[in-house]
Amino acid sequence: MELKDFITATLIEIQSGVSAAIKHTQKNNIPGAINPSWGGTDDINASLIEKVQFDIAVTVSDKSAGSVEGGIKVVGIKIGGDKTASSEVNNVSRIQFSIPIIPPVTTVNSKP
C-alpha cells in the first residue's frame, strides 16, 4: 500500500468511526457524549484539535526486472510468487509524525 493511501484511509476511518459512534449513541439514547463541544457548531475551536500520531515502518524498493516500480510503501507481507527472475533491494525505515484533526463532535447545549 502506498504511504499516502495508508494515511488517507487511516484519517478517513478515524473520522468515520467517531461520527458513527456519535450517531449510534444518539440514536440509541445512550447517556454521555462522545467528543463533546459545549454550545453549538459556532463554538467548535482549536481546543478540540487532536493529534493523530503515526509511527510507520516503510520500505523503499528498488526492483530490477521487466518493469520498474518505485515509491514509498507501507511495510506489509505478501505471500505468493511468480516465476520471473528479478532482484530486489528493500530499505526499511521508520517514520514518525502527527496530523492535527478536529474529530466530529457532539454539541452539548449547556456549558459545564
PDB file of N, CA and C in Angstrom:
ATOM      1  N   MET A   1       0.854  -1.173   0.000  1.00  0.00           N
ATOM      2  CA  MET A   1       0.000   0.000   0.000  1.00  0.00           C
ATOM      3  C   MET A   1       0.898   1.233   0.000  1.00  0.00           C
ATOM      4  N   GLU A   2       0.559   2.181  -0.830  1.00  0.00           N
ATOM      5  CA  GLU A   2       1.290   3.438  -0.856  1.00  0.00           C
ATOM      6  C   GLU A   2       1.098   4.165   0.475  1.00  0.00           C
ATOM      7  N   LEU A   3       2.113   4.875   0.918  1.00  0.00           N
ATOM      8  CA  LEU A   3       2.044   5.615   2.172  1.00  0.00           C
ATOM      9  C   LEU A   3       0.882   6.607   2.158  1.00  0.00           C
ATOM     10  N   LYS A   4       0.715   7.342   1.069  1.00  0.00           N
ATOM     11  CA  LYS A   4      -0.368   8.337   1.009  1.00  0.00           C
ATOM     12  C   LYS A   4      -1.736   7.669   1.131  1.00  0.00           C
ATOM     13  N   ASP A   5      -1.893   6.480   0.548  1.00  0.00           N
ATOM     14  CA  ASP A   5      -3.166   5.766   0.644  1.00  0.00           C
ATOM     15  C   ASP A   5      -3.419   5.296   2.070  1.00  0.00           C
ATOM     16  N   PHE A   6      -2.362   4.855   2.755  1.00  0.00           N
ATOM     17  CA  PHE A   6      -2.486   4.421   4.149  1.00  0.00           C
ATOM     18  C   PHE A   6      -2.907   5.587   5.042  1.00  0.00           C
ATOM     19  N   ILE A   7      -2.258   6.739   4.877  1.00  0.00           N
ATOM     20  CA  ILE A   7      -2.589   7.917   5.689  1.00  0.00           C
ATOM     21  C   ILE A   7      -4.022   8.357   5.412  1.00  0.00           C
ATOM     22  N   THR A   8      -4.379   8.420   4.130  1.00  0.00           N
ATOM     23  CA  THR A   8      -5.738   8.821   3.748  1.00  0.00           C
ATOM     24  C   THR A   8      -6.782   7.892   4.373  1.00  0.00           C
ATOM     25  N   ALA A   9      -6.578   6.595   4.198  1.00  0.00           N
ATOM     26  CA  ALA A   9      -7.538   5.618   4.724  1.00  0.00           C
ATOM     27  C   ALA A   9      -7.634   5.696   6.244  1.00  0.00           C
ATOM     28  N   THR A  10      -6.504   5.862   6.914  1.00  0.00           N
ATOM     29  CA  THR A  10      -6.492   5.929   8.372  1.00  0.00           C
ATOM     30  C   THR A  10      -7.288   7.134   8.872  1.00  0.00           C
ATOM     31  N   LEU A  11      -7.028   8.314   8.300  1.00  0.00           N
ATOM     32  CA  LEU A  11      -7.722   9.522   8.749  1.00  0.00           C
ATOM     33  C   LEU A  11      -9.215   9.453   8.442  1.00  0.00           C
ATOM     34  N   ILE A  12      -9.570   8.920   7.278  1.00  0.00           N
ATOM     35  CA  ILE A  12     -10.989   8.775   6.933  1.00  0.00           C
ATOM     36  C   ILE A  12     -11.672   7.803   7.883  1.00  0.00           C
ATOM     37  N   GLU A  13     -11.013   6.694   8.198  1.00  0.00           N
ATOM     38  CA  GLU A  13     -11.598   5.708   9.109  1.00  0.00           C
ATOM     39  C   GLU A  13     -11.775   6.278  10.512  1.00  0.00           C
ATOM     40  N   ILE A  14     -10.822   7.084  10.977  1.00  0.00           N
ATOM     41  CA  ILE A  14     -10.951   7.706  12.304  1.00  0.00           C
ATOM     42  C   ILE A  14     -12.161   8.640  12.319  1.00  0.00           C
ATOM     43  N   GLN A  15     -12.239   9.528  11.325  1.00  0.00           N
ATOM     44  CA  GLN A  15     -13.348  10.476  11.281  1.00  0.00           C
ATOM     45  C   GLN A  15     -14.687   9.743  11.150  1.00  0.00           C
ATOM     46  N   SER A  16     -14.741   8.747  10.272  1.00  0.00           N
ATOM     47  CA  SER A  16     -15.976   7.974  10.083  1.00  0.00           C
ATOM     48  C   SER A  16     -16.349   7.211  11.340  1.00  0.00           C
ATOM     49  N   GLY A  17     -15.359   6.643  12.013  1.00  0.00           N
ATOM     50  CA  GLY A  17     -15.620   5.881  13.234  1.00  0.00           C
ATOM     51  C   GLY A  17     -16.166   6.748  14.350  1.00  0.00           C
ATOM     52  N   VAL A  18     -15.582   7.922  14.545  1.00  0.00           N
ATOM     53  CA  VAL A  18     -16.077   8.830  15.581  1.00  0.00           C
ATOM     54  C   VAL A  18     -17.493   9.282  15.235  1.00  0.00           C
ATOM     55  N   SER A  19     -17.720   9.628  13.977  1.00  0.00           N
ATOM     56  CA  SER A  19     -19.047  10.064  13.547  1.00  0.00           C
ATOM     57  C   SER A  19     -20.084   8.956  13.749  1.00  0.00           C
ATOM     58  N   ALA A  20     -19.734   7.727  13.379  1.00  0.00           N
ATOM     59  CA  ALA A  20     -20.657   6.597  13.550  1.00  0.00           C
ATOM     60  C   ALA A  20     -20.958   6.352  15.023  1.00  0.00           C
ATOM     61  N   ALA A  21     -19.941   6.489  15.876  1.00  0.00           N
ATOM     62  CA  ALA A  21     -20.152   6.281  17.307  1.00  0.00           C
ATOM     63  C   ALA A  21     -21.087   7.350  17.875  1.00  0.00           C
ATOM     64  N   ILE A  22     -20.905   8.594  17.449  1.00  0.00           N
ATOM     65  CA  ILE A  22     -21.785   9.676  17.911  1.00  0.00           C
ATOM     66  C   ILE A  22     -23.226   9.398  17.481  1.00  0.00           C
ATOM     67  N   LYS A  23     -23.417   9.069  16.211  1.00  0.00           N
ATOM     68  CA  LYS A  23     -24.769   8.796  15.699  1.00  0.00           C
ATOM     69  C   LYS A  23     -25.406   7.610  16.411  1.00  0.00           C
ATOM     70  N   HIS A  24     -24.618   6.566  16.664  1.00  0.00           N
ATOM     71  CA  HIS A  24     -25.150   5.372  17.340  1.00  0.00           C
ATOM     72  C   HIS A  24     -25.613   5.704  18.759  1.00  0.00           C
ATOM     73  N   THR A  25     -24.794   6.438  19.505  1.00  0.00           N
ATOM     74  CA  THR A  25     -25.174   6.760  20.881  1.00  0.00           C
ATOM     75  C   THR A  25     -26.403   7.662  20.920  1.00  0.00           C
ATOM     76  N   GLN A  26     -26.511   8.598  19.973  1.00  0.00           N
ATOM     77  CA  GLN A  26     -27.676   9.483  19.942  1.00  0.00           C
ATOM     78  C   GLN A  26     -28.937   8.719  19.543  1.00  0.00           C
ATOM     79  N   LYS A  27     -28.825   7.877  18.521  1.00  0.00           N
ATOM     80  CA  LYS A  27     -29.971   7.109  18.032  1.00  0.00           C
ATOM     81  C   LYS A  27     -30.507   6.160  19.097  1.00  0.00           C
ATOM     82  N   ASN A  28     -29.607   5.587  19.890  1.00  0.00           N
ATOM     83  CA  ASN A  28     -29.996   4.604  20.898  1.00  0.00           C
ATOM     84  C   ASN A  28     -30.123   5.204  22.300  1.00  0.00           C
ATOM     85  N   ASN A  29     -30.127   6.522  22.381  1.00  0.00           N
ATOM     86  CA  ASN A  29     -30.278   7.232  23.665  1.00  0.00           C
ATOM     87  C   ASN A  29     -29.305   6.731  24.723  1.00  0.00           C
ATOM     88  N   ILE A  30     -28.068   6.523  24.325  1.00  0.00           N
ATOM     89  CA  ILE A  30     -27.032   6.110  25.269  1.00  0.00           C
ATOM     90  C   ILE A  30     -26.527   7.359  25.975  1.00  0.00           C
ATOM     91  N   PRO A  31     -26.515   7.364  27.313  1.00  0.00           N
ATOM     92  CA  PRO A  31     -26.106   8.568  28.041  1.00  0.00           C
ATOM     93  C   PRO A  31     -24.635   8.908  27.797  1.00  0.00           C
ATOM     94  N   GLY A  32     -24.341  10.181  27.978  1.00  0.00           N
ATOM     95  CA  GLY A  32     -22.969  10.651  27.802  1.00  0.00           C
ATOM     96  C   GLY A  32     -22.801  11.320  26.444  1.00  0.00           C
ATOM     97  N   ALA A  33     -21.595  11.726  26.161  1.00  0.00           N
ATOM     98  CA  ALA A  33     -21.313  12.402  24.898  1.00  0.00           C
ATOM     99  C   ALA A  33     -19.922  12.013  24.424  1.00  0.00           C
ATOM    100  N   ILE A  34     -19.809  11.748  23.157  1.00  0.00           N
ATOM    101  CA  ILE A  34     -18.512  11.438  22.555  1.00  0.00           C
ATOM    102  C   ILE A  34     -17.955  12.726  21.973  1.00  0.00           C
ATOM    103  N   ASN A  35     -16.762  13.085  22.378  1.00  0.00           N
ATOM    104  CA  ASN A  35     -16.087  14.312  21.947  1.00  0.00           C
ATOM    105  C   ASN A  35     -17.019  15.523  22.051  1.00  0.00           C
ATOM    106  N   PRO A  36     -17.427  15.881  23.293  1.00  0.00           N
ATOM    107  CA  PRO A  36     -18.404  16.953  23.465  1.00  0.00           C
ATOM    108  C   PRO A  36     -17.840  18.339  23.159  1.00  0.00           C
ATOM    109  N   SER A  37     -18.698  19.182  22.613  1.00  0.00           N
ATOM    110  CA  SER A  37     -18.413  20.598  22.399  1.00  0.00           C
ATOM    111  C   SER A  37     -19.578  21.361  23.007  1.00  0.00           C
ATOM    112  N   TRP A  38     -19.289  22.208  24.001  1.00  0.00           N
ATOM    113  CA  TRP A  38     -20.357  22.939  24.660  1.00  0.00           C
ATOM    114  C   TRP A  38     -20.750  24.127  23.820  1.00  0.00           C
ATOM    115  N   GLY A  39     -22.036  24.298  23.662  1.00  0.00           N
ATOM    116  CA  GLY A  39     -22.570  25.378  22.836  1.00  0.00           C
ATOM    117  C   GLY A  39     -23.100  24.788  21.543  1.00  0.00           C
ATOM    118  N   GLY A  40     -22.730  25.378  20.450  1.00  0.00           N
ATOM    119  CA  GLY A  40     -23.165  24.889  19.143  1.00  0.00           C
ATOM    120  C   GLY A  40     -21.976  24.754  18.218  1.00  0.00           C
ATOM    121  N   THR A  41     -22.269  24.580  16.953  1.00  0.00           N
ATOM    122  CA  THR A  41     -21.186  24.408  15.994  1.00  0.00           C
ATOM    123  C   THR A  41     -20.314  25.652  15.876  1.00  0.00           C
ATOM    124  N   ASP A  42     -20.851  26.825  16.239  1.00  0.00           N
ATOM    125  CA  ASP A  42     -20.044  28.050  16.224  1.00  0.00           C
ATOM    126  C   ASP A  42     -18.974  28.028  17.314  1.00  0.00           C
ATOM    127  N   ASP A  43     -19.153  27.172  18.325  1.00  0.00           N
ATOM    128  CA  ASP A  43     -18.203  27.105  19.434  1.00  0.00           C
ATOM    129  C   ASP A  43     -17.101  26.073  19.204  1.00  0.00           C
ATOM    130  N   ILE A  44     -17.071  25.441  18.048  1.00  0.00           N
ATOM    131  CA  ILE A  44     -16.001  24.496  17.742  1.00  0.00           C
ATOM    132  C   ILE A  44     -14.739  25.302  17.468  1.00  0.00           C
ATOM    133  N   ASN A  45     -13.683  25.027  18.223  1.00  0.00           N
ATOM    134  CA  ASN A  45     -12.463  25.833  18.114  1.00  0.00           C
ATOM    135  C   ASN A  45     -11.216  24.976  18.272  1.00  0.00           C
ATOM    136  N   ALA A  46     -10.099  25.631  18.345  1.00  0.00           N
ATOM    137  CA  ALA A  46      -8.806  24.947  18.391  1.00  0.00           C
ATOM    138  C   ALA A  46      -8.645  24.032  19.605  1.00  0.00           C
ATOM    139  N   SER A  47      -9.442  24.249  20.645  1.00  0.00           N
ATOM    140  CA  SER A  47      -9.309  23.391  21.827  1.00  0.00           C
ATOM    141  C   SER A  47      -9.734  21.949  21.530  1.00  0.00           C
ATOM    142  N   LEU A  48     -10.441  21.744  20.437  1.00  0.00           N
ATOM    143  CA  LEU A  48     -10.903  20.401  20.074  1.00  0.00           C
ATOM    144  C   LEU A  48      -9.922  19.658  19.173  1.00  0.00           C
ATOM    145  N   ILE A  49      -8.799  20.295  18.848  1.00  0.00           N
ATOM    146  CA  ILE A  49      -7.820  19.655  17.971  1.00  0.00           C
ATOM    147  C   ILE A  49      -7.177  18.475  18.685  1.00  0.00           C
ATOM    148  N   GLU A  50      -7.163  17.362  18.005  1.00  0.00           N
ATOM    149  CA  GLU A  50      -6.481  16.151  18.472  1.00  0.00           C
ATOM    150  C   GLU A  50      -5.375  15.840  17.479  1.00  0.00           C
ATOM    151  N   LYS A  51      -4.323  15.226  17.942  1.00  0.00           N
ATOM    152  CA  LYS A  51      -3.242  14.838  17.036  1.00  0.00           C
ATOM    153  C   LYS A  51      -3.284  13.333  16.814  1.00  0.00           C
ATOM    154  N   VAL A  52      -3.328  12.943  15.563  1.00  0.00           N
ATOM    155  CA  VAL A  52      -3.232  11.533  15.206  1.00  0.00           C
ATOM    156  C   VAL A  52      -1.746  11.245  15.031  1.00  0.00           C
ATOM    157  N   GLN A  53      -1.230  10.383  15.888  1.00  0.00           N
ATOM    158  CA  GLN A  53       0.194  10.042  15.867  1.00  0.00           C
ATOM    159  C   GLN A  53       0.422   8.847  14.951  1.00  0.00           C
ATOM    160  N   PHE A  54       1.349   8.987  14.038  1.00  0.00           N
ATOM    161  CA  PHE A  54       1.730   7.892  13.156  1.00  0.00           C
ATOM    162  C   PHE A  54       3.148   7.458  13.495  1.00  0.00           C
ATOM    163  N   ASP A  55       3.362   6.171  13.554  1.00  0.00           N
ATOM    164  CA  ASP A  55       4.679   5.563  13.739  1.00  0.00           C
ATOM    165  C   ASP A  55       4.707   4.399  12.757  1.00  0.00           C
ATOM    166  N   ILE A  56       5.282   4.627  11.599  1.00  0.00           N
ATOM    167  CA  ILE A  56       5.117   3.716  10.472  1.00  0.00           C
ATOM    168  C   ILE A  56       6.468   3.181  10.001  1.00  0.00           C
ATOM    169  N   ALA A  57       6.488   1.902   9.709  1.00  0.00           N
ATOM    170  CA  ALA A  57       7.634   1.306   9.036  1.00  0.00           C
ATOM    171  C   ALA A  57       7.336   1.324   7.545  1.00  0.00           C
ATOM    172  N   VAL A  58       8.220   1.925   6.783  1.00  0.00           N
ATOM    173  CA  VAL A  58       8.030   1.991   5.335  1.00  0.00           C
ATOM    174  C   VAL A  58       9.210   1.325   4.642  1.00  0.00           C
ATOM    175  N   THR A  59       8.967   0.904   3.443  1.00  0.00           N
ATOM    176  CA  THR A  59      10.037   0.289   2.667  1.00  0.00           C
ATOM    177  C   THR A  59      10.138   0.985   1.319  1.00  0.00           C
ATOM    178  N   VAL A  60      11.360   1.197   0.884  1.00  0.00           N
ATOM    179  CA  VAL A  60      11.611   1.723  -0.441  1.00  0.00           C
ATOM    180  C   VAL A  60      12.232   0.582  -1.221  1.00  0.00           C
ATOM    181  N   SER A  61      11.573   0.199  -2.308  1.00  0.00           N
ATOM    182  CA  SER A  61      12.034  -0.928  -3.107  1.00  0.00           C
ATOM    183  C   SER A  61      12.709  -0.445  -4.367  1.00  0.00           C
ATOM    184  N   ASP A  62      13.773  -1.127  -4.699  1.00  0.00           N
ATOM    185  CA  ASP A  62      14.461  -0.898  -5.956  1.00  0.00           C
ATOM    186  C   ASP A  62      14.486  -2.234  -6.669  1.00  0.00           C
ATOM    187  N   LYS A  63      13.621  -2.393  -7.658  1.00  0.00           N
ATOM    188  CA  LYS A  63      13.494  -3.661  -8.345  1.00  0.00           C
ATOM    189  C   LYS A  63      14.180  -3.577  -9.699  1.00  0.00           C
ATOM    190  N   SER A  64      14.785  -4.665 -10.070  1.00  0.00           N
ATOM    191  CA  SER A  64      15.290  -4.755 -11.430  1.00  0.00           C
ATOM    192  C   SER A  64      14.677  -5.988 -12.061  1.00  0.00           C
ATOM    193  N   ALA A  65      13.755  -5.741 -12.961  1.00  0.00           N
ATOM    194  CA  ALA A  65      13.069  -6.802 -13.691  1.00  0.00           C
ATOM    195  C   ALA A  65      12.508  -6.180 -14.950  1.00  0.00           C
ATOM    196  N   GLY A  66      11.508  -6.821 -15.547  1.00  0.00           N
ATOM    197  CA  GLY A  66      10.912  -6.323 -16.771  1.00  0.00           C
ATOM    198  C   GLY A  66      10.327  -4.934 -16.633  1.00  0.00           C
ATOM    199  N   SER A  67       9.784  -4.603 -15.483  1.00  0.00           N
ATOM    200  CA  SER A  67       9.223  -3.268 -15.279  1.00  0.00           C
ATOM    201  C   SER A  67       9.837  -2.662 -14.030  1.00  0.00           C
ATOM    202  N   VAL A  68       9.924  -1.353 -14.028  1.00  0.00           N
ATOM    203  CA  VAL A  68      10.495  -0.657 -12.878  1.00  0.00           C
ATOM    204  C   VAL A  68       9.351  -0.062 -12.082  1.00  0.00           C
ATOM    205  N   GLU A  69       9.351  -0.344 -10.805  1.00  0.00           N
ATOM    206  CA  GLU A  69       8.300   0.171  -9.928  1.00  0.00           C
ATOM    207  C   GLU A  69       8.972   0.690  -8.679  1.00  0.00           C
ATOM    208  N   GLY A  70       8.735   1.931  -8.342  1.00  0.00           N
ATOM    209  CA  GLY A  70       9.345   2.507  -7.155  1.00  0.00           C
ATOM    210  C   GLY A  70       8.293   3.155  -6.295  1.00  0.00           C
ATOM    211  N   GLY A  71       8.728   3.848  -5.274  1.00  0.00           N
ATOM    212  CA  GLY A  71       7.812   4.556  -4.393  1.00  0.00           C
ATOM    213  C   GLY A  71       7.962   4.096  -2.967  1.00  0.00           C
ATOM    214  N   ILE A  72       7.344   4.832  -2.084  1.00  0.00           N
ATOM    215  CA  ILE A  72       7.385   4.506  -0.664  1.00  0.00           C
ATOM    216  C   ILE A  72       6.139   3.706  -0.333  1.00  0.00           C
ATOM    217  N   LYS A  73       6.325   2.552   0.250  1.00  0.00           N
ATOM    218  CA  LYS A  73       5.219   1.655   0.581  1.00  0.00           C
ATOM    219  C   LYS A  73       5.197   1.398   2.077  1.00  0.00           C
ATOM    220  N   VAL A  74       3.997   1.234   2.609  1.00  0.00           N
ATOM    221  CA  VAL A  74       3.854   0.806   3.995  1.00  0.00           C
ATOM    222  C   VAL A  74       4.211  -0.672   4.033  1.00  0.00           C
ATOM    223  N   VAL A  75       5.037  -1.063   5.001  1.00  0.00           N
ATOM    224  CA  VAL A  75       5.508  -2.439   5.074  1.00  0.00           C
ATOM    225  C   VAL A  75       4.342  -3.381   5.327  1.00  0.00           C
ATOM    226  N   GLY A  76       4.294  -4.419   4.534  1.00  0.00           N
ATOM    227  CA  GLY A  76       3.281  -5.450   4.693  1.00  0.00           C
ATOM    228  C   GLY A  76       3.885  -6.769   4.268  1.00  0.00           C
ATOM    229  N   ILE A  77       3.112  -7.814   4.336  1.00  0.00           N
ATOM    230  CA  ILE A  77       3.584  -9.131   3.958  1.00  0.00           C
ATOM    231  C   ILE A  77       2.843  -9.559   2.718  1.00  0.00           C
ATOM    232  N   LYS A  78       3.580 -10.016   1.726  1.00  0.00           N
ATOM    233  CA  LYS A  78       2.971 -10.505   0.506  1.00  0.00           C
ATOM    234  C   LYS A  78       3.341 -11.970   0.357  1.00  0.00           C
ATOM    235  N   ILE A  79       2.325 -12.797   0.218  1.00  0.00           N
ATOM    236  CA  ILE A  79       2.551 -14.230   0.056  1.00  0.00           C
ATOM    237  C   ILE A  79       2.211 -14.585  -1.372  1.00  0.00           C
ATOM    238  N   GLY A  80       3.041 -15.386  -1.956  1.00  0.00           N
ATOM    239  CA  GLY A  80       2.825 -15.771  -3.349  1.00  0.00           C
ATOM    240  C   GLY A  80       4.116 -15.576  -4.106  1.00  0.00           C
ATOM    241  N   GLY A  81       4.064 -15.782  -5.350  1.00  0.00           N
ATOM    242  CA  GLY A  81       5.275 -15.592  -6.113  1.00  0.00           C
ATOM    243  C   GLY A  81       4.980 -15.650  -7.580  1.00  0.00           C
ATOM    244  N   ASP A  82       6.013 -15.369  -8.340  1.00  0.00           N
ATOM    245  CA  ASP A  82       5.897 -15.578  -9.758  1.00  0.00           C
ATOM    246  C   ASP A  82       7.222 -16.114 -10.246  1.00  0.00           C
ATOM    247  N   LYS A  83       7.213 -16.621 -11.436  1.00  0.00           N
ATOM    248  CA  LYS A  83       8.374 -17.348 -11.924  1.00  0.00           C
ATOM    249  C   LYS A  83       9.328 -16.468 -12.713  1.00  0.00           C
ATOM    250  N   THR A  84       9.264 -15.156 -12.522  1.00  0.00           N
ATOM    251  CA  THR A  84      10.151 -14.253 -13.224  1.00  0.00           C
ATOM    252  C   THR A  84      11.407 -14.039 -12.401  1.00  0.00           C
ATOM    253  N   ALA A  85      12.537 -14.072 -13.085  1.00  0.00           N
ATOM    254  CA  ALA A  85      13.797 -13.809 -12.391  1.00  0.00           C
ATOM    255  C   ALA A  85      13.930 -12.310 -12.173  1.00  0.00           C
ATOM    256  N   SER A  86      14.222 -11.908 -10.952  1.00  0.00           N
ATOM    257  CA  SER A  86      14.407 -10.492 -10.649  1.00  0.00           C
ATOM    258  C   SER A  86      15.244 -10.373  -9.395  1.00  0.00           C
ATOM    259  N   SER A  87      15.724  -9.182  -9.175  1.00  0.00           N
ATOM    260  CA  SER A  87      16.411  -8.916  -7.917  1.00  0.00           C
ATOM    261  C   SER A  87      15.755  -7.692  -7.298  1.00  0.00           C
ATOM    262  N   GLU A  88      15.756  -7.643  -5.981  1.00  0.00           N
ATOM    263  CA  GLU A  88      15.074  -6.565  -5.284  1.00  0.00           C
ATOM    264  C   GLU A  88      15.883  -6.177  -4.060  1.00  0.00           C
ATOM    265  N   VAL A  89      16.027  -4.875  -3.869  1.00  0.00           N
ATOM    266  CA  VAL A  89      16.685  -4.352  -2.687  1.00  0.00           C
ATOM    267  C   VAL A  89      15.655  -3.541  -1.923  1.00  0.00           C
ATOM    268  N   ASN A  90      15.452  -3.875  -0.659  1.00  0.00           N
ATOM    269  CA  ASN A  90      14.497  -3.169   0.185  1.00  0.00           C
ATOM    270  C   ASN A  90      15.235  -2.443   1.293  1.00  0.00           C
ATOM    271  N   ASN A  91      14.890  -1.210   1.489  1.00  0.00           N
ATOM    272  CA  ASN A  91      15.381  -0.446   2.629  1.00  0.00           C
ATOM    273  C   ASN A  91      14.178  -0.091   3.484  1.00  0.00           C
ATOM    274  N   VAL A  92      14.184  -0.553   4.727  1.00  0.00           N
ATOM    275  CA  VAL A  92      13.066  -0.294   5.627  1.00  0.00           C
ATOM    276  C   VAL A  92      13.463   0.844   6.561  1.00  0.00           C
ATOM    277  N   SER A  93      12.572   1.815   6.666  1.00  0.00           N
ATOM    278  CA  SER A  93      12.794   2.957   7.545  1.00  0.00           C
ATOM    279  C   SER A  93      11.571   3.148   8.423  1.00  0.00           C
ATOM    280  N   ARG A  94      11.775   3.821   9.514  1.00  0.00           N
ATOM    281  CA  ARG A  94      10.684   4.135  10.419  1.00  0.00           C
ATOM    282  C   ARG A  94      10.485   5.638  10.384  1.00  0.00           C
ATOM    283  N   ILE A  95       9.239   6.062  10.203  1.00  0.00           N
ATOM    284  CA  ILE A  95       8.942   7.489  10.236  1.00  0.00           C
ATOM    285  C   ILE A  95       7.858   7.740  11.275  1.00  0.00           C
ATOM    286  N   GLN A  96       7.986   8.855  11.938  1.00  0.00           N
ATOM    287  CA  GLN A  96       7.011   9.253  12.950  1.00  0.00           C
ATOM    288  C   GLN A  96       6.572  10.678  12.655  1.00  0.00           C
ATOM    289  N   PHE A  97       5.269  10.915  12.733  1.00  0.00           N
ATOM    290  CA  PHE A  97       4.736  12.253  12.529  1.00  0.00           C
ATOM    291  C   PHE A  97       3.324  12.293  13.103  1.00  0.00           C
ATOM    292  N   SER A  98       2.783  13.484  13.231  1.00  0.00           N
ATOM    293  CA  SER A  98       1.405  13.617  13.707  1.00  0.00           C
ATOM    294  C   SER A  98       0.656  14.575  12.779  1.00  0.00           C
ATOM    295  N   ILE A  99      -0.639  14.363  12.710  1.00  0.00           N
ATOM    296  CA  ILE A  99      -1.500  15.209  11.901  1.00  0.00           C
ATOM    297  C   ILE A  99      -2.629  15.708  12.800  1.00  0.00           C
ATOM    298  N   PRO A 100      -2.771  17.029  12.919  1.00  0.00           N
ATOM    299  CA  PRO A 100      -3.862  17.549  13.744  1.00  0.00           C
ATOM    300  C   PRO A 100      -5.195  17.434  13.011  1.00  0.00           C
ATOM    301  N   ILE A 101      -6.206  17.014  13.732  1.00  0.00           N
ATOM    302  CA  ILE A 101      -7.561  16.932  13.191  1.00  0.00           C
ATOM    303  C   ILE A 101      -8.537  17.447  14.236  1.00  0.00           C
ATOM    304  N   ILE A 102      -9.710  17.821  13.804  1.00  0.00           N
ATOM    305  CA  ILE A 102     -10.826  18.044  14.718  1.00  0.00           C
ATOM    306  C   ILE A 102     -11.821  16.944  14.390  1.00  0.00           C
ATOM    307  N   PRO A 103     -11.932  15.955  15.266  1.00  0.00           N
ATOM    308  CA  PRO A 103     -12.887  14.880  15.007  1.00  0.00           C
ATOM    309  C   PRO A 103     -14.314  15.393  15.129  1.00  0.00           C
ATOM    310  N   PRO A 104     -15.271  14.650  14.575  1.00  0.00           N
ATOM    311  CA  PRO A 104     -16.675  15.039  14.760  1.00  0.00           C
ATOM    312  C   PRO A 104     -16.983  15.214  16.242  1.00  0.00           C
ATOM    313  N   VAL A 105     -17.890  16.120  16.538  1.00  0.00           N
ATOM    314  CA  VAL A 105     -18.217  16.425  17.930  1.00  0.00           C
ATOM    315  C   VAL A 105     -19.693  16.208  18.212  1.00  0.00           C
ATOM    316  N   THR A 106     -19.980  16.032  19.490  1.00  0.00           N
ATOM    317  CA  THR A 106     -21.349  16.043  19.978  1.00  0.00           C
ATOM    318  C   THR A 106     -21.546  17.409  20.617  1.00  0.00           C
ATOM    319  N   THR A 107     -22.482  18.190  20.101  1.00  0.00           N
ATOM    320  CA  THR A 107     -22.704  19.509  20.709  1.00  0.00           C
ATOM    321  C   THR A 107     -23.616  19.359  21.919  1.00  0.00           C
ATOM    322  N   VAL A 108     -23.197  19.971  22.984  1.00  0.00           N
ATOM    323  CA  VAL A 108     -23.942  19.951  24.246  1.00  0.00           C
ATOM    324  C   VAL A 108     -24.393  21.385  24.486  1.00  0.00           C
ATOM    325  N   ASN A 109     -25.673  21.565  24.795  1.00  0.00           N
ATOM    326  CA  ASN A 109     -26.260  22.906  24.845  1.00  0.00           C
ATOM    327  C   ASN A 109     -25.848  23.755  26.024  1.00  0.00           C
ATOM    328  N   SER A 110     -25.513  23.158  27.157  1.00  0.00           N
ATOM    329  CA  SER A 110     -25.164  23.967  28.308  1.00  0.00           C
ATOM    330  C   SER A 110     -23.689  23.768  28.650  1.00  0.00           C
ATOM    331  N   LYS A 111     -23.053  24.840  29.090  1.00  0.00           N
ATOM    332  CA  LYS A 111     -21.646  24.753  29.480  1.00  0.00           C
ATOM    333  C   LYS A 111     -21.552  24.118  30.853  1.00  0.00           C
ATOM    334  N   PRO A 112     -20.438  23.375  31.087  1.00  0.00           N
ATOM    335  CA  PRO A 112     -20.305  22.690  32.387  1.00  0.00           C
ATOM    336  C   PRO A 112     -20.154  23.645  33.537  1.00  0.00           C
TER     337      PRO A 112
END
